[in-house]
Amino acid sequence: MDYIDELTAAVEGAAARLRRVPGVDAARRPAPGKWSPKEVVGHLIDSASNNHQRFVRVRWQDDLVFPAYEQNAWVSAQDYQSAPWPQLVDLFETYNLHLARVMRRVPAAVRLREHTRHNLDELAWQPVPPGQPTTLDEFMRDYVGHLQHHLRQLLGEDWRAQ
């Protein structure tokens, strides 16, 4: 479960760096139609929220079929652009650290059970073809990869450097 340690380290390191970004810079969109850093962090909060539900509920279901969400609509509906930057960074950090604890508590039998019935072709950052066996463990790794991808967007390739 080294990916959970990666998640914790990534979140703690990124939060420290994000706190040093001035709010005015966090609100700046890099191009028309692109998310600002505030909106990217908001998207990561939404991702944590949706995956939190999935990672808890999977204990009581026989598949990896979960509700999807329209990420652009969620970012817009919650107006992350006008939210206070320090609050967004705090929520991003706190929610993801909680999610890491949740991930650690999922029993190995649940994490490693193979499922051919899933909708990870629609939900995962790195889609899994329909019917291809996969596990919750692989989906959790995908979550961490997705988060790291967005941190690279926000902080550059050296996002882990302090």
Foldseek 3Di string as FASTA:
>chain_A
DVLLVVLLLLLVLLLVVLVPDDLVQQLDAPDPPGHGVLLLLVLLLVLLVQVLVQLVCLVPDDAAAGDDDDSVVSSVVVVSSPDDSNVSSVSSSVSSNVSSVSNVPRDPCQQVDWHQQHAQLPVFPPRDDRRDIDGNVVRVSSSSVVVVVSLCVVPNPVSSDD
